[in-house]
């Protein structure tokens, strides 16, 4: 499918022709540029991985909430150790995900 990029805000539109106006910023149709096939294919191929990164990030938020409850419960030192380690791990992986997504955006693997 053809992909069009709004030159004003970067919105990516999928379709045979660009929309009459940008759904995000309202720019007119003339502000859309047709993406070359290689860039369009890169975006299409990257959408699954980007969605998986977003899902994992959300799941790690949920894990962090569980860890906070376990830490607050404070049953014993070994339980606390597990919850604290998982909370740190979740935070580290989330930072890695953000860096990866930033890299994807910089390489045109987003849209």
N, C-alpha and C. Protein backbone atom coordinates (compact mmCIF):
# COMPACT_ATOMS: atom_id res chain seq x y z
N UNK A 1 0.84 -1.18 0.00
CA UNK A 1 0.00 0.00 0.00
C UNK A 1 0.88 1.25 0.00
N UNK A 2 0.46 2.24 -0.70
CA UNK A 2 1.20 3.50 -0.79
C UNK A 2 1.15 4.23 0.56
N UNK A 3 2.26 4.84 0.91
CA UNK A 3 2.33 5.62 2.14
C UNK A 3 2.67 7.06 1.79
N UNK A 4 2.00 7.97 2.49
CA UNK A 4 2.18 9.40 2.29
C UNK A 4 2.58 10.02 3.61
N UNK A 5 3.53 10.95 3.57
CA UNK A 5 4.01 11.61 4.79
C UNK A 5 3.69 13.10 4.73
N UNK A 6 3.06 13.58 5.80
CA UNK A 6 2.78 15.01 5.91
C UNK A 6 4.11 15.72 6.18
N UNK A 7 4.45 16.67 5.33
CA UNK A 7 5.71 17.40 5.49
C UNK A 7 5.66 18.41 6.63
N UNK A 8 4.47 18.66 7.17
CA UNK A 8 4.33 19.60 8.28
C UNK A 8 4.56 18.91 9.62
N UNK A 9 3.87 17.76 9.85
CA UNK A 9 3.93 17.13 11.17
C UNK A 9 4.51 15.71 11.17
N UNK A 10 4.73 15.12 9.99
CA UNK A 10 5.31 13.78 9.92
C UNK A 10 4.30 12.65 9.95
N UNK A 11 3.01 12.96 9.99
CA UNK A 11 1.97 11.92 10.01
C UNK A 11 2.10 11.03 8.77
N UNK A 12 1.99 9.71 8.96
CA UNK A 12 2.05 8.76 7.85
C UNK A 12 0.64 8.30 7.54
N UNK A 13 0.25 8.43 6.29
CA UNK A 13 -1.08 8.03 5.84
C UNK A 13 -0.93 6.87 4.86
N UNK A 14 -1.73 5.83 5.05
CA UNK A 14 -1.75 4.68 4.14
C UNK A 14 -2.94 4.81 3.20
N UNK A 15 -2.68 4.78 1.91
CA UNK A 15 -3.76 4.85 0.93
C UNK A 15 -3.23 5.13 -0.46
N UNK A 16 -4.09 4.93 -1.43
CA UNK A 16 -3.68 5.16 -2.82
C UNK A 16 -3.38 6.63 -3.10
N UNK A 17 -4.11 7.51 -2.40
CA UNK A 17 -3.93 8.96 -2.56
C UNK A 17 -3.87 9.59 -1.19
N UNK A 18 -3.21 10.73 -1.07
CA UNK A 18 -3.18 11.39 0.25
C UNK A 18 -4.57 11.91 0.62
N UNK A 19 -4.82 12.10 1.92
CA UNK A 19 -6.12 12.65 2.33
C UNK A 19 -6.23 14.11 1.94
N UNK A 20 -7.45 14.63 1.93
CA UNK A 20 -7.65 16.04 1.59
C UNK A 20 -6.97 16.97 2.59
N UNK A 21 -6.91 16.53 3.84
CA UNK A 21 -6.16 17.28 4.85
C UNK A 21 -5.59 16.29 5.85
N UNK A 22 -4.51 16.68 6.49
CA UNK A 22 -3.83 15.82 7.45
C UNK A 22 -4.73 15.60 8.67
N UNK A 23 -4.95 14.33 9.04
CA UNK A 23 -5.77 14.05 10.22
C UNK A 23 -5.17 14.59 11.52
N UNK A 24 -3.86 14.79 11.55
CA UNK A 24 -3.21 15.26 12.78
C UNK A 24 -3.15 16.78 12.86
N UNK A 25 -2.64 17.42 11.82
CA UNK A 25 -2.39 18.87 11.91
C UNK A 25 -3.29 19.71 11.00
N UNK A 26 -4.04 19.05 10.11
CA UNK A 26 -4.95 19.78 9.24
C UNK A 26 -4.31 20.37 8.00
N UNK A 27 -3.03 20.07 7.75
CA UNK A 27 -2.35 20.59 6.56
C UNK A 27 -3.07 20.08 5.30
N UNK A 28 -3.05 20.88 4.24
CA UNK A 28 -3.74 20.47 3.01
C UNK A 28 -3.02 19.31 2.31
N UNK A 29 -3.75 18.68 1.42
CA UNK A 29 -3.28 17.53 0.65
C UNK A 29 -1.92 17.77 0.00
N UNK A 30 -1.68 18.99 -0.45
CA UNK A 30 -0.44 19.33 -1.15
C UNK A 30 0.80 19.18 -0.26
N UNK A 31 0.62 19.12 1.05
CA UNK A 31 1.74 19.00 1.98
C UNK A 31 2.17 17.54 2.17
N UNK A 32 1.47 16.60 1.55
CA UNK A 32 1.84 15.19 1.65
C UNK A 32 2.81 14.81 0.55
N UNK A 33 3.81 14.02 0.94
CA UNK A 33 4.80 13.51 -0.02
C UNK A 33 4.66 11.99 -0.07
N UNK A 34 4.67 11.46 -1.27
CA UNK A 34 4.62 10.01 -1.42
C UNK A 34 5.98 9.45 -0.99
N UNK A 35 5.96 8.45 -0.11
CA UNK A 35 7.21 7.84 0.32
C UNK A 35 7.70 6.85 -0.73
N UNK A 36 9.01 6.81 -0.96
CA UNK A 36 9.55 5.80 -1.88
C UNK A 36 9.23 4.40 -1.36
N UNK A 37 9.16 3.45 -2.25
CA UNK A 37 8.79 2.08 -1.89
C UNK A 37 9.67 1.51 -0.79
N UNK A 38 10.98 1.76 -0.84
CA UNK A 38 11.87 1.18 0.18
C UNK A 38 11.55 1.73 1.57
N UNK A 39 11.25 3.02 1.67
CA UNK A 39 10.90 3.61 2.97
C UNK A 39 9.52 3.14 3.44
N UNK A 40 8.59 3.03 2.52
CA UNK A 40 7.26 2.54 2.86
C UNK A 40 7.33 1.09 3.36
N UNK A 41 8.14 0.27 2.72
CA UNK A 41 8.29 -1.13 3.14
C UNK A 41 8.96 -1.22 4.50
N UNK A 42 9.92 -0.36 4.77
CA UNK A 42 10.59 -0.35 6.06
C UNK A 42 9.61 -0.01 7.18
N UNK A 43 8.76 0.99 6.95
CA UNK A 43 7.75 1.36 7.94
C UNK A 43 6.79 0.20 8.15
N UNK A 44 6.30 -0.38 7.08
CA UNK A 44 5.34 -1.49 7.19
C UNK A 44 5.95 -2.66 7.95
N UNK A 45 7.17 -3.00 7.62
CA UNK A 45 7.85 -4.12 8.27
C UNK A 45 8.09 -3.84 9.75
N UNK A 46 8.32 -2.60 10.12
CA UNK A 46 8.65 -2.23 11.50
C UNK A 46 7.42 -2.10 12.40
N UNK A 47 6.25 -2.00 11.84
CA UNK A 47 5.06 -1.75 12.66
C UNK A 47 4.81 -2.84 13.69
N UNK A 48 5.02 -4.11 13.35
CA UNK A 48 4.80 -5.18 14.33
C UNK A 48 5.77 -5.05 15.50
N UNK A 49 7.04 -4.90 15.22
CA UNK A 49 8.03 -4.79 16.29
C UNK A 49 7.77 -3.57 17.16
N UNK A 50 7.42 -2.45 16.55
CA UNK A 50 7.13 -1.25 17.32
C UNK A 50 5.93 -1.47 18.25
N UNK A 51 4.90 -2.14 17.74
CA UNK A 51 3.72 -2.44 18.57
C UNK A 51 4.10 -3.38 19.72
N UNK A 52 4.97 -4.35 19.44
CA UNK A 52 5.41 -5.26 20.50
C UNK A 52 6.22 -4.53 21.57
N UNK A 53 7.06 -3.59 21.15
CA UNK A 53 7.81 -2.78 22.12
C UNK A 53 6.84 -2.00 23.01
N UNK A 54 5.81 -1.41 22.41
CA UNK A 54 4.84 -0.64 23.19
C UNK A 54 4.09 -1.53 24.18
N UNK A 55 3.71 -2.72 23.73
CA UNK A 55 3.01 -3.66 24.60
C UNK A 55 3.91 -4.09 25.76
N UNK A 56 5.16 -4.43 25.46
CA UNK A 56 6.09 -4.83 26.51
C UNK A 56 6.30 -3.71 27.52
N UNK A 57 6.41 -2.48 27.03
CA UNK A 57 6.57 -1.33 27.92
C UNK A 57 5.39 -1.25 28.89
N UNK A 58 4.18 -1.43 28.38
CA UNK A 58 2.98 -1.38 29.22
C UNK A 58 2.97 -2.53 30.24
N UNK A 59 3.36 -3.71 29.81
CA UNK A 59 3.41 -4.85 30.73
C UNK A 59 4.43 -4.62 31.84
N UNK A 60 5.54 -3.98 31.50
CA UNK A 60 6.54 -3.67 32.52
C UNK A 60 6.03 -2.63 33.51
N UNK A 61 5.16 -1.71 33.04
CA UNK A 61 4.50 -0.79 33.97
C UNK A 61 3.66 -1.57 34.98
N UNK A 62 2.91 -2.56 34.47
CA UNK A 62 2.09 -3.39 35.35
C UNK A 62 2.97 -4.17 36.33
N UNK A 63 4.08 -4.72 35.85
CA UNK A 63 4.99 -5.45 36.74
C UNK A 63 5.53 -4.53 37.83
N UNK A 64 5.81 -3.29 37.49
CA UNK A 64 6.32 -2.34 38.46
C UNK A 64 5.29 -2.06 39.56
N UNK A 65 4.02 -1.99 39.19
CA UNK A 65 2.94 -1.80 40.17
C UNK A 65 2.88 -3.00 41.12
N UNK A 66 2.99 -4.21 40.55
CA UNK A 66 3.00 -5.42 41.38
C UNK A 66 4.19 -5.38 42.34
N UNK A 67 5.33 -4.97 41.84
CA UNK A 67 6.53 -4.88 42.69
C UNK A 67 6.32 -3.88 43.82
N UNK A 68 5.71 -2.74 43.52
CA UNK A 68 5.45 -1.75 44.56
C UNK A 68 4.57 -2.35 45.66
N UNK A 69 3.58 -3.13 45.29
CA UNK A 69 2.71 -3.76 46.28
C UNK A 69 3.48 -4.78 47.11
N UNK A 70 4.36 -5.54 46.45
CA UNK A 70 5.18 -6.51 47.17
C UNK A 70 6.15 -5.85 48.12
N UNK A 71 6.71 -4.73 47.68
CA UNK A 71 7.64 -3.99 48.54
C UNK A 71 6.89 -3.41 49.74
N UNK A 72 5.69 -2.89 49.50
CA UNK A 72 4.88 -2.33 50.59
C UNK A 72 4.46 -3.42 51.57
N UNK A 73 4.22 -4.62 51.08
CA UNK A 73 3.82 -5.74 51.95
C UNK A 73 4.96 -6.13 52.89
N UNK A 74 6.20 -6.10 52.37
CA UNK A 74 7.39 -6.30 53.20
C UNK A 74 7.33 -7.58 54.04
N UNK A 75 6.99 -8.70 53.39
CA UNK A 75 6.85 -9.96 54.13
C UNK A 75 8.18 -10.44 54.71
N UNK A 76 9.18 -10.50 53.87
CA UNK A 76 10.49 -10.93 54.39
C UNK A 76 11.58 -10.44 53.43
N UNK A 77 12.84 -10.49 53.83
CA UNK A 77 13.93 -9.94 53.01
C UNK A 77 14.07 -10.58 51.64
N UNK A 78 13.85 -11.87 51.52
CA UNK A 78 14.01 -12.49 50.20
C UNK A 78 12.90 -12.07 49.24
N UNK A 79 11.69 -11.91 49.75
CA UNK A 79 10.60 -11.40 48.90
C UNK A 79 10.91 -9.97 48.47
N UNK A 80 11.35 -9.17 49.42
CA UNK A 80 11.69 -7.77 49.11
C UNK A 80 12.77 -7.72 48.03
N UNK A 81 13.75 -8.59 48.13
CA UNK A 81 14.84 -8.63 47.16
C UNK A 81 14.31 -8.91 45.75
N UNK A 82 13.41 -9.88 45.65
CA UNK A 82 12.82 -10.22 44.35
C UNK A 82 12.06 -9.02 43.78
N UNK A 83 11.20 -8.41 44.58
CA UNK A 83 10.41 -7.28 44.09
C UNK A 83 11.29 -6.09 43.71
N UNK A 84 12.30 -5.82 44.49
CA UNK A 84 13.21 -4.70 44.18
C UNK A 84 14.00 -4.97 42.91
N UNK A 85 14.49 -6.21 42.76
CA UNK A 85 15.24 -6.54 41.54
C UNK A 85 14.36 -6.44 40.30
N UNK A 86 13.13 -6.92 40.41
CA UNK A 86 12.23 -6.87 39.26
C UNK A 86 11.87 -5.43 38.92
N UNK A 87 11.66 -4.61 39.93
CA UNK A 87 11.36 -3.19 39.67
C UNK A 87 12.52 -2.52 38.94
N UNK A 88 13.74 -2.77 39.38
CA UNK A 88 14.93 -2.21 38.70
C UNK A 88 15.04 -2.75 37.28
N UNK A 89 14.83 -4.05 37.13
CA UNK A 89 14.90 -4.67 35.81
C UNK A 89 13.85 -4.06 34.87
N UNK A 90 12.63 -3.89 35.37
CA UNK A 90 11.55 -3.29 34.56
C UNK A 90 11.94 -1.90 34.10
N UNK A 91 12.47 -1.12 35.00
CA UNK A 91 12.86 0.26 34.68
C UNK A 91 13.98 0.26 33.63
N UNK A 92 14.95 -0.63 33.79
CA UNK A 92 16.06 -0.70 32.82
C UNK A 92 15.58 -1.13 31.44
N UNK A 93 14.73 -2.13 31.38
CA UNK A 93 14.22 -2.59 30.09
C UNK A 93 13.35 -1.50 29.44
N UNK A 94 12.57 -0.79 30.23
CA UNK A 94 11.78 0.31 29.67
C UNK A 94 12.68 1.38 29.06
N UNK A 95 13.79 1.68 29.71
CA UNK A 95 14.73 2.67 29.15
C UNK A 95 15.32 2.15 27.84
N UNK A 96 15.62 0.85 27.78
CA UNK A 96 16.14 0.26 26.56
C UNK A 96 15.10 0.34 25.44
N UNK A 97 13.84 0.09 25.78
CA UNK A 97 12.76 0.17 24.79
C UNK A 97 12.65 1.59 24.25
N UNK A 98 12.70 2.57 25.13
CA UNK A 98 12.62 3.97 24.68
C UNK A 98 13.77 4.31 23.74
N UNK A 99 14.97 3.85 24.08
CA UNK A 99 16.12 4.10 23.22
C UNK A 99 15.96 3.40 21.87
N UNK A 100 15.43 2.20 21.88
CA UNK A 100 15.22 1.45 20.63
C UNK A 100 14.19 2.14 19.74
N UNK A 101 13.10 2.59 20.35
CA UNK A 101 12.07 3.29 19.58
C UNK A 101 12.62 4.60 19.03
N UNK A 102 13.41 5.31 19.83
CA UNK A 102 14.04 6.53 19.34
C UNK A 102 14.92 6.23 18.13
N UNK A 103 15.65 5.13 18.20
CA UNK A 103 16.47 4.71 17.06
C UNK A 103 15.62 4.38 15.85
N UNK A 104 14.49 3.71 16.07
CA UNK A 104 13.59 3.38 14.96
C UNK A 104 13.07 4.65 14.30
N UNK A 105 12.70 5.61 15.10
CA UNK A 105 12.19 6.87 14.56
C UNK A 105 13.28 7.54 13.72
N UNK A 106 14.49 7.58 14.26
CA UNK A 106 15.61 8.20 13.54
C UNK A 106 15.96 7.51 12.23
N UNK A 107 15.69 6.21 12.16
CA UNK A 107 16.01 5.43 10.95
C UNK A 107 14.80 5.29 10.01
N UNK A 108 13.71 5.99 10.32
CA UNK A 108 12.53 5.92 9.46
C UNK A 108 11.72 4.64 9.61
N UNK A 109 11.89 3.97 10.76
CA UNK A 109 11.15 2.72 11.01
C UNK A 109 9.94 2.99 11.91
N UNK A 110 9.25 4.04 11.65
CA UNK A 110 8.10 4.42 12.48
C UNK A 110 7.09 5.10 11.61
N UNK A 111 5.83 4.87 11.87
CA UNK A 111 4.79 5.57 11.11
C UNK A 111 3.59 4.75 10.89
